[in-house]
Amino acid sequence: MGAFNIEDMVLIKINRSFKENMTPEQLYRATSYSWVASFKKTETRDIKYYCAVYQNKIIEVYDFLGYEEEIPRREPSRYILHGQLSSEDIRRTLIGLDVSDLHKGSGNPIKYTSLERLLNLESLGAQKNEKVRKDIEQNELISHIRNYITSKGFTYLKKDIKNLYLSLRSKPFVIISGISGTGKTKIVQLFAEAIGATEENKQFKLIPVRPDWSDSSELLGYTDIKGDFIKGPLIEIVEQAHLNPELPHFVLLDEMNLARVEYYFSDVLSVMESRKKVEGEITSSTLITVDGDSLTLPGNLYIIGTVNMDETTHPFSKKVLDRANTIEFHEIDLMNFGSMTRREIVEPIHVSNKVLESSFIHLIDAFSTHEQLIREVSERLEAINELLEPIHAQVGYRVRDEISFYLAHNVEAGQLLSLNDAMDFCIMQKILPRVGGMEAVVRDVLNNLKEELSSYPRCTKKIKEMLGRLDKDGFTSFWIS
């Protein structure tokens, strides 16, 4: 299930026992003597090393040779560790490493982790200090991403790149739909790669969804018959994102609706709605508890699902559609070879999560600086809601807020899109996917929407397509099938 399942390292905070100018023997005793720890689990934890941690930095590393229970016994039991100084190579690599992102809080001084995680933390720390761009303008970022994608032989409209960027900033959950072979998976991979997130550096993870997924254990993990927790693929990148809060991380749920999304993804959707800002950082309620540590959904994690709509897949509930921007890719130009003739090499850049992170979590965060815009959005949605009422497809506060965030981010980026273009994308992605039904129920609604949304070309085209399907089949929906 991944390298991080083998927890072979113990971090021990010795802040209270540390004294300046300790001898090596005193430091060893302070690190090794009398800890409340689960060392009886060495059979499953495979512990090889333990580290002295002072003021969030590793100050010494020991090979773990064994332990003994302290006598006289206490409740809970305490253990004395036996060890020796580790090799010069490991000590040179780990001593001085800041583990504050990994070993948080002032509670239990014991933290189980892995050597590989610490080595990865060390290498990413160097990347953070040397390469990460924090001050890049949004227009420059969009141009770079598009140029990078084009240099790889793929062609997407610049407006589509802008829309994906604004959608991710508004809410870190996007669904990309369309017929098979239109580049849904590729645009996500290349978008992430362009800004430094790859599978190699563990900032990107592709998770293929299986048809037999029926609950959250498929993503989050489960406890096996021995009582050990087996981490799911989502938890692996959640932990990675927590370790490196400055860097954006991406999850691609490939063919997301091969299984029912509400069954295996409901826990994530619920926690996503609990997001809040604490001391300027985005966090959430607990997603899952692993080895006594409560894992939240980090503010630097972006989840994108790709979907096909055919007889092998499942439709989406309004609960899912409410929480995502649904971007459609289905326009095909087989004669477009423009990207094939370019020979320009474009290198990826590493960007800070700040260039992608949402500025707003709740509407009050945006209201003081974008009041007029928010009022205009609300008025337009009120008019649309009246038309949706006959089929009970009205939008609520969540959709209103997320459309407002999209438009506010667009303004703050210096109008990446015109206001009309931005609103066209938002209605197409947040409202029209909710519309569908039989002839007697939906025709009047679609005709009224066509008139109300006549100034928005994407919406108008989609509504005409839906009406055409209604004429032909007596039933229609947003989805191409």
Protein backbone atom coordinates (compact mmCIF):
# COMPACT_ATOMS: atom_id res chain seq x y z
CA MET A 1 0.00 0.00 0.00
CA GLY A 2 2.98 2.35 -0.11
CA ALA A 3 6.32 3.00 1.56
CA PHE A 4 4.86 4.98 4.44
CA ASN A 5 3.11 1.91 5.89
CA ILE A 6 6.42 0.60 7.31
CA GLU A 7 6.97 2.88 10.30
CA ASP A 8 10.60 2.19 11.15
CA MET A 9 11.46 5.46 12.90
CA VAL A 10 10.49 7.00 16.25
CA LEU A 11 10.75 10.73 16.96
CA ILE A 12 11.04 11.58 20.67
CA LYS A 13 10.65 15.16 21.85
CA ILE A 14 13.04 15.84 24.75
CA ASN A 15 12.30 19.54 25.21
CA ARG A 16 11.75 19.23 28.98
CA SER A 17 14.76 16.99 29.61
CA PHE A 18 17.21 18.87 27.39
CA LYS A 19 19.98 20.92 28.96
CA GLU A 20 22.65 22.95 27.24
CA ASN A 21 26.09 21.32 26.95
CA MET A 22 24.79 17.80 27.63
CA THR A 23 27.37 15.07 27.20
CA PRO A 24 26.62 12.36 24.61
CA GLU A 25 25.81 9.97 27.46
CA GLN A 26 23.37 12.45 29.05
CA LEU A 27 21.65 13.05 25.68
CA TYR A 28 21.38 9.30 25.12
CA ARG A 29 19.84 8.81 28.57
CA ALA A 30 17.37 11.69 28.08
CA THR A 31 16.27 10.20 24.75
CA SER A 32 16.20 6.54 25.74
CA TYR A 33 14.90 6.42 29.29
CA SER A 34 11.32 5.92 30.51
CA TRP A 35 8.82 6.63 27.75
CA VAL A 36 5.16 5.69 27.43
CA ALA A 37 5.31 4.09 24.01
CA SER A 38 3.96 1.13 22.04
CA PHE A 39 7.28 -0.68 21.67
CA LYS A 40 5.54 -4.02 22.09
CA LYS A 41 4.37 -3.48 18.49
CA THR A 42 7.87 -3.84 17.08
CA GLU A 43 6.70 -6.97 15.24
CA THR A 44 4.42 -4.84 13.03
CA ARG A 45 6.23 -1.49 13.21
CA ASP A 46 9.67 -2.83 12.30
CA ILE A 47 11.39 -0.07 14.30
CA LYS A 48 15.01 0.51 13.29
CA TYR A 49 15.87 4.02 14.53
CA TYR A 50 14.88 6.60 17.10
CA CYS A 51 15.71 10.31 17.18
CA ALA A 52 16.09 12.96 19.83
CA VAL A 53 13.99 16.00 18.84
CA TYR A 54 14.57 19.37 20.51
CA GLN A 55 12.61 22.49 19.52
CA ASN A 56 11.22 20.64 16.47
CA LYS A 57 14.63 19.67 15.07
CA ILE A 58 16.37 16.30 15.12
CA ILE A 59 19.53 16.60 17.22
CA GLU A 60 20.63 12.94 17.36
CA VAL A 61 19.85 9.57 15.73
CA TYR A 62 20.20 6.13 17.32
CA ASP A 63 19.85 2.58 15.99
CA PHE A 64 17.04 0.84 17.88
CA LEU A 65 18.41 -2.34 19.48
CA GLY A 66 15.59 -3.22 21.87
CA TYR A 67 13.70 -2.16 25.00
CA GLU A 68 12.78 -3.24 28.50
CA GLU A 69 9.85 -2.36 30.71
CA GLU A 70 10.72 -0.02 33.55
CA ILE A 71 10.77 -1.57 37.04
CA PRO A 72 8.92 -0.89 39.29
CA ARG A 73 6.03 -0.91 36.85
CA ARG A 74 3.80 2.11 36.39
CA GLU A 75 0.39 2.54 34.79
CA PRO A 76 0.59 3.09 31.89
CA SER A 77 3.77 1.08 31.41
CA ARG A 78 7.02 2.89 30.62
CA TYR A 79 9.90 1.56 28.56
CA ILE A 80 13.64 2.04 28.48
CA LEU A 81 15.13 1.99 24.98
CA HIS A 82 18.45 0.42 24.06
CA GLY A 83 20.39 1.85 21.15
CA GLN A 84 23.64 3.06 19.67
CA LEU A 85 24.64 6.00 17.50
CA SER A 86 23.51 5.49 13.90
CA SER A 87 25.85 5.61 10.92
CA GLU A 88 27.49 8.89 9.95
CA ASP A 89 25.51 8.95 6.69
CA ILE A 90 22.13 8.83 8.40
CA ARG A 91 23.16 11.25 11.15
CA ARG A 92 24.57 13.71 8.61
CA THR A 93 21.31 13.56 6.65
CA LEU A 94 18.82 13.82 9.52
CA ILE A 95 20.46 15.94 12.22
CA GLY A 96 19.13 19.49 11.92
CA LEU A 97 16.01 18.44 10.00
CA ASP A 98 12.91 20.44 10.97
CA VAL A 99 10.07 17.99 11.74
CA SER A 100 7.53 20.55 13.02
CA ASP A 101 5.09 19.78 10.21
CA LEU A 102 5.29 16.07 11.00
CA HIS A 103 5.44 16.04 14.81
CA LYS A 104 2.81 18.64 15.68
CA GLY A 105 1.38 19.64 19.02
CA SER A 106 2.64 19.54 22.56
CA GLY A 107 0.98 16.29 23.66
CA ASN A 108 2.53 12.84 23.31
CA PRO A 109 6.28 13.26 22.70
CA ILE A 110 6.38 9.98 20.75
CA LYS A 111 5.76 10.02 16.99
CA TYR A 112 6.08 7.01 14.69
CA THR A 113 7.18 7.69 11.13
CA SER A 114 9.48 6.25 8.47
CA LEU A 115 13.01 6.95 7.35
CA GLU A 116 11.77 7.37 3.78
CA ARG A 117 9.34 10.06 4.88
CA LEU A 118 12.11 11.94 6.68
CA LEU A 119 14.39 11.67 3.65
CA ASN A 120 11.58 12.97 1.46
CA LEU A 121 10.95 15.78 3.92
CA GLU A 122 14.63 16.70 3.75
CA SER A 123 14.72 16.81 -0.06
CA LEU A 124 11.51 18.82 -0.32
CA GLY A 125 12.85 21.21 2.29
CA ALA A 126 15.74 21.99 -0.05
CA GLN A 127 13.26 22.43 -2.92
CA LYS A 128 11.19 24.85 -0.85
CA ASN A 129 14.19 27.01 -0.03
CA GLU A 130 15.59 27.19 -3.53
CA LYS A 131 12.98 26.82 -6.25
CA VAL A 132 9.42 27.61 -5.20
CA ARG A 133 7.80 30.62 -6.90
CA LYS A 134 5.54 32.60 -4.57
CA ASP A 135 5.09 35.83 -6.44
CA ILE A 136 4.10 34.75 -9.96
CA GLU A 137 1.25 36.73 -11.55
CA GLN A 138 -1.83 34.72 -12.53
CA ASN A 139 -1.65 35.68 -16.21
CA GLU A 140 1.99 34.63 -16.32
CA LEU A 141 1.09 31.37 -14.58
CA ILE A 142 -1.72 30.59 -17.03
CA SER A 143 0.52 31.35 -20.03
CA HIS A 144 3.24 29.10 -18.61
CA ILE A 145 0.82 26.20 -18.01
CA ARG A 146 -0.61 26.46 -21.52
CA ASN A 147 2.85 26.72 -23.11
CA TYR A 148 4.02 23.71 -21.12
CA ILE A 149 1.00 21.65 -22.19
CA THR A 150 1.50 22.69 -25.83
CA SER A 151 5.19 21.76 -25.68
CA LYS A 152 4.06 18.22 -24.77
CA GLY A 153 2.01 17.97 -27.97
CA PHE A 154 -1.46 18.70 -26.58
CA THR A 155 -3.77 21.59 -27.43
CA TYR A 156 -6.32 23.19 -25.12
CA LEU A 157 -7.94 26.61 -25.39
CA LYS A 158 -6.42 29.20 -23.08
CA LYS A 159 -9.92 29.94 -21.75
CA ASP A 160 -10.18 26.31 -20.66
CA ILE A 161 -6.91 26.57 -18.73
CA LYS A 162 -8.11 29.77 -17.08
CA ASN A 163 -11.40 28.13 -16.19
CA LEU A 164 -9.71 25.09 -14.63
CA TYR A 165 -7.45 27.39 -12.60
CA LEU A 166 -10.35 29.54 -11.34
CA SER A 167 -12.46 26.46 -10.61
CA LEU A 168 -9.72 24.93 -8.44
CA ARG A 169 -9.24 28.22 -6.61
CA SER A 170 -12.96 28.50 -5.90
CA LYS A 171 -13.27 24.94 -4.55
CA PRO A 172 -10.58 22.22 -4.47
CA PHE A 173 -12.92 19.68 -6.09
CA VAL A 174 -13.52 19.59 -9.85
CA ILE A 175 -15.21 17.03 -12.11
CA ILE A 176 -14.13 16.83 -15.75
CA SER A 177 -16.61 15.10 -18.03
CA GLY A 178 -16.66 14.16 -21.69
CA ILE A 179 -16.49 11.28 -24.10
CA SER A 180 -13.55 8.90 -23.92
CA GLY A 181 -10.32 10.05 -25.55
CA THR A 182 -10.80 13.84 -25.34
CA GLY A 183 -7.85 14.42 -23.00
CA LYS A 184 -9.58 14.71 -19.62
CA THR A 185 -6.91 12.81 -17.72
CA LYS A 186 -4.06 14.40 -19.65
CA ILE A 187 -5.03 18.01 -18.95
CA VAL A 188 -5.03 17.28 -15.21
CA GLN A 189 -1.65 15.52 -15.31
CA LEU A 190 -0.01 18.23 -17.42
CA PHE A 191 -1.60 21.10 -15.46
CA ALA A 192 -0.11 19.65 -12.27
CA GLU A 193 3.22 18.80 -13.91
CA ALA A 194 3.57 22.33 -15.28
CA ILE A 195 3.64 23.72 -11.74
CA GLY A 196 5.95 21.09 -10.29
CA ALA A 197 3.57 18.37 -9.06
CA THR A 198 4.50 14.89 -10.28
CA GLU A 199 4.13 11.30 -9.15
CA GLU A 200 7.91 11.18 -8.65
CA ASN A 201 7.92 13.95 -6.04
CA LYS A 202 4.65 12.63 -4.52
CA GLN A 203 2.71 15.86 -5.18
CA PHE A 204 0.46 14.07 -7.71
CA LYS A 205 -1.41 10.80 -7.34
CA LEU A 206 -3.59 9.04 -9.89
CA ILE A 207 -6.17 6.78 -8.25
CA PRO A 208 -8.13 4.56 -10.68
CA VAL A 209 -11.66 4.03 -9.33
CA ARG A 210 -12.93 0.43 -9.39
CA PRO A 211 -16.56 -0.55 -10.03
CA ASP A 212 -16.72 -2.58 -6.79
CA TRP A 213 -15.94 0.35 -4.46
CA SER A 214 -18.77 0.56 -1.97
CA ASP A 215 -17.53 2.59 1.01
CA SER A 216 -14.85 5.03 2.12
CA SER A 217 -12.37 2.30 3.12
CA GLU A 218 -11.36 2.00 -0.54
CA LEU A 219 -9.91 5.52 -0.40
CA LEU A 220 -9.16 6.10 3.26
CA GLY A 221 -8.08 2.67 4.49
CA TYR A 222 -9.21 -0.09 6.83
CA THR A 223 -8.18 -2.15 9.85
CA ASP A 224 -7.09 -5.67 8.93
CA ILE A 225 -7.71 -8.86 10.92
CA LYS A 226 -4.47 -8.35 12.90
CA GLY A 227 -5.68 -4.94 14.08
CA ASP A 228 -3.26 -2.98 11.90
CA PHE A 229 -4.53 -0.01 9.94
CA ILE A 230 -3.85 -0.27 6.19
CA LYS A 231 -3.74 3.18 4.69
CA GLY A 232 -5.76 3.90 1.57
CA PRO A 233 -4.32 5.73 -1.45
CA LEU A 234 -5.93 9.04 -0.54
CA ILE A 235 -4.46 9.00 2.97
CA GLU A 236 -0.96 8.58 1.56
CA ILE A 237 -1.15 11.87 -0.34
CA VAL A 238 -3.08 13.60 2.48
CA GLU A 239 -0.13 12.83 4.77
CA GLN A 240 2.30 14.01 2.10
CA ALA A 241 0.40 17.29 1.70
CA HIS A 242 0.46 17.86 5.47
CA LEU A 243 4.22 17.31 5.47
CA ASN A 244 4.68 19.96 2.76
CA PRO A 245 2.02 22.63 3.33
CA GLU A 246 3.68 25.17 1.05
CA LEU A 247 3.34 22.99 -2.06
CA PRO A 248 0.14 22.13 -3.99
CA HIS A 249 -0.79 18.43 -4.23
CA PHE A 250 -3.21 16.86 -6.70
CA VAL A 251 -5.36 13.73 -6.63
CA LEU A 252 -6.82 12.48 -9.91
CA LEU A 253 -9.74 10.09 -9.39
CA ASP A 254 -9.77 8.45 -12.81
CA GLU A 255 -13.19 7.30 -14.08
CA MET A 256 -14.68 8.52 -10.85
CA ASN A 257 -18.22 7.32 -11.51
CA LEU A 258 -17.44 3.68 -12.31
CA ALA A 259 -18.64 3.22 -8.71
CA ARG A 260 -21.30 5.28 -6.94
CA VAL A 261 -19.52 8.44 -5.79
CA GLU A 262 -21.91 8.89 -2.85
CA TYR A 263 -20.83 5.51 -1.45
CA TYR A 264 -17.04 5.79 -1.42
CA PHE A 265 -16.55 9.58 -1.40
CA SER A 266 -19.21 10.80 1.05
CA ASP A 267 -16.81 11.15 4.00
CA VAL A 268 -14.46 13.32 1.95
CA LEU A 269 -17.35 15.46 0.67
CA SER A 270 -18.62 16.05 4.20
CA VAL A 271 -15.21 16.99 5.57
CA MET A 272 -14.63 19.28 2.59
CA GLU A 273 -17.61 21.35 3.73
CA SER A 274 -16.05 21.81 7.18
CA ARG A 275 -13.10 23.77 5.83
CA LYS A 276 -12.13 26.85 7.82
CA LYS A 277 -9.19 29.16 8.32
CA VAL A 278 -7.18 28.91 11.52
CA GLU A 279 -4.37 31.44 11.92
CA GLY A 280 -4.46 32.08 8.18
CA GLU A 281 -4.23 28.40 7.18
CA ILE A 282 -7.04 26.32 5.68
CA THR A 283 -7.94 23.23 7.70
CA SER A 284 -10.98 21.02 8.29
CA SER A 285 -12.59 18.66 10.75
CA THR A 286 -11.02 15.20 11.14
CA LEU A 287 -11.04 13.05 8.02
CA ILE A 288 -9.66 9.95 9.74
CA THR A 289 -7.61 9.04 12.82
CA VAL A 290 -4.42 7.07 12.14
CA ASP A 291 -2.28 5.78 15.02
CA GLY A 292 -3.86 8.32 17.35
CA ASP A 293 -3.22 11.23 14.98
CA SER A 294 -6.23 13.11 13.61
CA LEU A 295 -5.78 13.75 9.90
CA THR A 296 -7.61 16.71 8.40
CA LEU A 297 -8.14 17.59 4.75
CA PRO A 298 -5.22 19.93 4.02
CA GLY A 299 -5.66 23.27 2.26
CA ASN A 300 -3.03 22.35 -0.34
CA LEU A 301 -4.83 19.27 -1.71
CA TYR A 302 -6.88 19.50 -4.93
CA ILE A 303 -9.12 16.64 -6.02
CA ILE A 304 -10.13 16.25 -9.67
CA GLY A 305 -12.34 13.45 -10.95
CA THR A 306 -12.69 12.42 -14.58
CA VAL A 307 -15.97 10.88 -15.71
CA ASN A 308 -17.53 9.26 -18.75
CA MET A 309 -21.31 9.07 -18.95
CA ASP A 310 -22.43 5.80 -20.54
CA GLU A 311 -24.17 2.54 -19.66
CA THR A 312 -21.20 1.40 -17.50
CA THR A 313 -21.22 4.42 -15.16
CA HIS A 314 -23.39 5.96 -12.45
CA PRO A 315 -25.11 9.38 -12.48
CA PHE A 316 -24.30 12.05 -9.90
CA SER A 317 -26.57 13.13 -7.07
CA LYS A 318 -27.21 16.81 -6.38
CA LYS A 319 -25.05 16.42 -3.24
CA VAL A 320 -22.02 15.76 -5.44
CA LEU A 321 -22.89 18.32 -8.13
CA ASP A 322 -23.40 21.01 -5.48
CA ARG A 323 -19.84 20.54 -4.28
CA ALA A 324 -17.98 20.55 -7.61
CA ASN A 325 -17.40 22.53 -10.74
CA THR A 326 -18.32 20.21 -13.62
CA ILE A 327 -16.12 21.02 -16.61
CA GLU A 328 -17.05 19.46 -19.94
CA PHE A 329 -14.55 18.42 -22.60
CA HIS A 330 -16.15 17.06 -25.74
CA GLU A 331 -15.11 19.31 -28.63
CA ILE A 332 -12.84 17.37 -31.00
CA ASP A 333 -10.71 18.71 -33.86
CA LEU A 334 -8.75 15.79 -35.31
CA MET A 335 -7.03 18.09 -37.83
CA ASN A 336 -5.47 20.40 -35.22
CA PHE A 337 -1.72 19.67 -35.41
CA GLY A 338 -0.53 23.07 -34.20
CA SER A 339 1.14 21.73 -31.07
CA MET A 340 3.01 19.09 -33.11
CA THR A 341 4.96 21.63 -35.15
CA ARG A 342 6.37 23.55 -32.18
CA ARG A 343 9.86 22.62 -31.00
CA GLU A 344 10.01 24.86 -27.92
CA ILE A 345 11.09 23.13 -24.71
CA VAL A 346 9.22 24.45 -21.67
CA GLU A 347 10.47 23.38 -18.24
CA PRO A 348 8.06 23.03 -15.32
CA ILE A 349 8.23 25.56 -12.51
CA HIS A 350 7.62 24.91 -8.82
CA VAL A 351 4.99 27.20 -7.34
CA SER A 352 3.81 27.88 -3.83
CA ASN A 353 0.34 26.72 -2.87
CA LYS A 354 -0.50 30.40 -2.29
CA VAL A 355 -0.93 30.91 -6.05
CA LEU A 356 -3.70 28.29 -6.15
CA GLU A 357 -5.22 28.43 -2.67
CA SER A 358 -8.66 29.99 -2.25
CA SER A 359 -8.74 33.46 -0.72
CA PHE A 360 -12.24 32.79 0.61
CA ILE A 361 -13.88 30.00 2.60
CA HIS A 362 -17.09 31.75 3.64
CA LEU A 363 -18.99 34.49 1.82
CA ILE A 364 -18.21 37.00 4.56
CA ASP A 365 -14.52 36.67 3.60
CA ALA A 366 -15.28 38.19 0.18
CA PHE A 367 -18.24 40.44 0.92
CA SER A 368 -16.44 43.57 2.10
CA THR A 369 -14.24 43.77 -1.02
CA HIS A 370 -16.68 42.37 -3.61
CA GLU A 371 -20.12 43.39 -2.32
CA GLN A 372 -21.47 44.75 -5.60
CA LEU A 373 -20.29 41.70 -7.55
CA ILE A 374 -21.86 39.33 -5.01
CA ARG A 375 -25.16 41.21 -5.12
CA GLU A 376 -25.21 40.98 -8.93
CA VAL A 377 -24.50 37.24 -8.79
CA SER A 378 -27.28 36.73 -6.23
CA GLU A 379 -29.80 38.66 -8.33
CA ARG A 380 -28.99 36.57 -11.41
CA LEU A 381 -29.28 33.32 -9.45
CA GLU A 382 -32.61 34.42 -7.94
CA ALA A 383 -34.00 34.80 -11.46
CA ILE A 384 -32.62 31.38 -12.49
CA ASN A 385 -34.02 29.75 -9.35
CA GLU A 386 -37.53 30.88 -10.26
CA LEU A 387 -37.18 29.02 -13.55
CA LEU A 388 -35.78 25.90 -11.85
CA GLU A 389 -38.49 25.72 -9.20
CA PRO A 390 -40.95 23.57 -11.26
CA ILE A 391 -38.37 20.71 -11.31
CA HIS A 392 -37.08 21.39 -7.77
CA ALA A 393 -33.55 22.05 -9.05
CA GLN A 394 -32.95 25.42 -7.40
CA VAL A 395 -29.46 26.22 -6.12
CA GLY A 396 -28.73 27.12 -2.52
CA TYR A 397 -26.23 29.18 -0.59
CA ARG A 398 -23.29 26.89 -1.33
CA VAL A 399 -23.60 27.33 -5.10
CA ARG A 400 -24.18 31.08 -4.71
CA ASP A 401 -21.05 31.40 -2.60
CA GLU A 402 -18.81 29.33 -4.87
CA ILE A 403 -19.88 31.22 -8.00
CA SER A 404 -19.15 34.44 -6.11
CA PHE A 405 -15.69 33.13 -5.18
CA TYR A 406 -14.97 32.19 -8.81
CA LEU A 407 -15.90 35.68 -10.03
CA ALA A 408 -14.03 37.41 -7.18
CA HIS A 409 -10.85 35.42 -7.89
CA ASN A 410 -11.24 36.32 -11.56
CA VAL A 411 -11.41 40.03 -10.70
CA GLU A 412 -8.45 39.82 -8.31
CA ALA A 413 -6.41 38.11 -11.03
CA GLY A 414 -6.90 41.14 -13.27
CA GLN A 415 -9.91 39.80 -15.24
CA LEU A 416 -8.56 36.53 -16.61
CA LEU A 417 -12.00 36.21 -18.21
CA SER A 418 -14.60 38.83 -19.04
CA LEU A 419 -17.46 38.97 -16.53
CA ASN A 420 -19.83 37.49 -19.12
CA ASP A 421 -17.42 34.64 -19.93
CA ALA A 422 -16.84 33.90 -16.26
CA MET A 423 -20.57 33.81 -15.49
CA ASP A 424 -21.15 31.63 -18.56
CA PHE A 425 -18.65 29.07 -17.24
CA CYS A 426 -20.16 29.17 -13.74
CA ILE A 427 -23.76 28.59 -14.81
CA MET A 428 -22.65 25.86 -17.21
CA GLN A 429 -20.66 24.11 -14.46
CA LYS A 430 -22.74 24.65 -11.34
CA ILE A 431 -26.37 24.87 -12.50
CA LEU A 432 -27.06 23.15 -15.82
CA PRO A 433 -25.77 19.71 -14.64
CA ARG A 434 -28.73 19.70 -12.22
CA VAL A 435 -31.30 19.92 -15.02
CA GLY A 436 -32.85 16.84 -16.60
CA GLY A 437 -36.04 14.87 -16.90
CA MET A 438 -38.97 13.78 -19.05
CA GLU A 439 -40.70 15.82 -21.76
CA ALA A 440 -43.68 16.86 -19.65
CA VAL A 441 -41.47 18.06 -16.80
CA VAL A 442 -38.45 19.74 -18.30
CA ARG A 443 -39.27 21.27 -21.71
CA ASP A 444 -40.74 24.52 -20.39
CA VAL A 445 -37.85 24.89 -17.95
CA LEU A 446 -35.27 24.51 -20.73
CA ASN A 447 -37.08 26.94 -23.03
CA ASN A 448 -37.28 29.52 -20.24
CA LEU A 449 -33.60 29.00 -19.39
CA LYS A 450 -32.65 29.42 -23.04
CA GLU A 451 -34.31 32.83 -23.05
CA GLU A 452 -32.93 33.88 -19.65
CA LEU A 453 -29.37 32.80 -20.51
CA SER A 454 -29.30 33.97 -24.13
CA SER A 455 -26.29 36.23 -23.47
CA TYR A 456 -24.16 33.22 -22.47
CA PRO A 457 -23.01 31.26 -25.56
CA ARG A 458 -21.84 28.08 -23.77
CA CYS A 459 -25.07 27.77 -21.81
CA THR A 460 -27.17 28.51 -24.88
CA LYS A 461 -25.39 25.84 -26.91
CA LYS A 462 -25.78 23.27 -24.13
CA ILE A 463 -29.50 24.02 -23.65
CA LYS A 464 -30.13 23.64 -27.39
CA GLU A 465 -28.30 20.31 -27.29
CA MET A 466 -30.44 19.19 -24.33
CA LEU A 467 -33.63 20.27 -26.13
CA GLY A 468 -32.52 18.31 -29.20
CA ARG A 469 -32.09 15.20 -27.09
CA LEU A 470 -35.51 15.81 -25.58
CA ASP A 471 -37.06 15.99 -29.07
CA LYS A 472 -35.40 12.74 -30.05
CA ASP A 473 -35.71 10.62 -26.90
CA GLY A 474 -38.43 12.23 -24.78
CA PHE A 475 -35.83 12.54 -22.01
CA THR A 476 -32.79 14.74 -21.54
CA SER A 477 -29.92 15.51 -19.20
CA PHE A 478 -26.75 17.59 -19.12
CA TRP A 479 -24.59 14.58 -19.86
CA ILE A 480 -23.60 13.31 -23.28
CA SER A 481 -24.16 9.56 -23.49
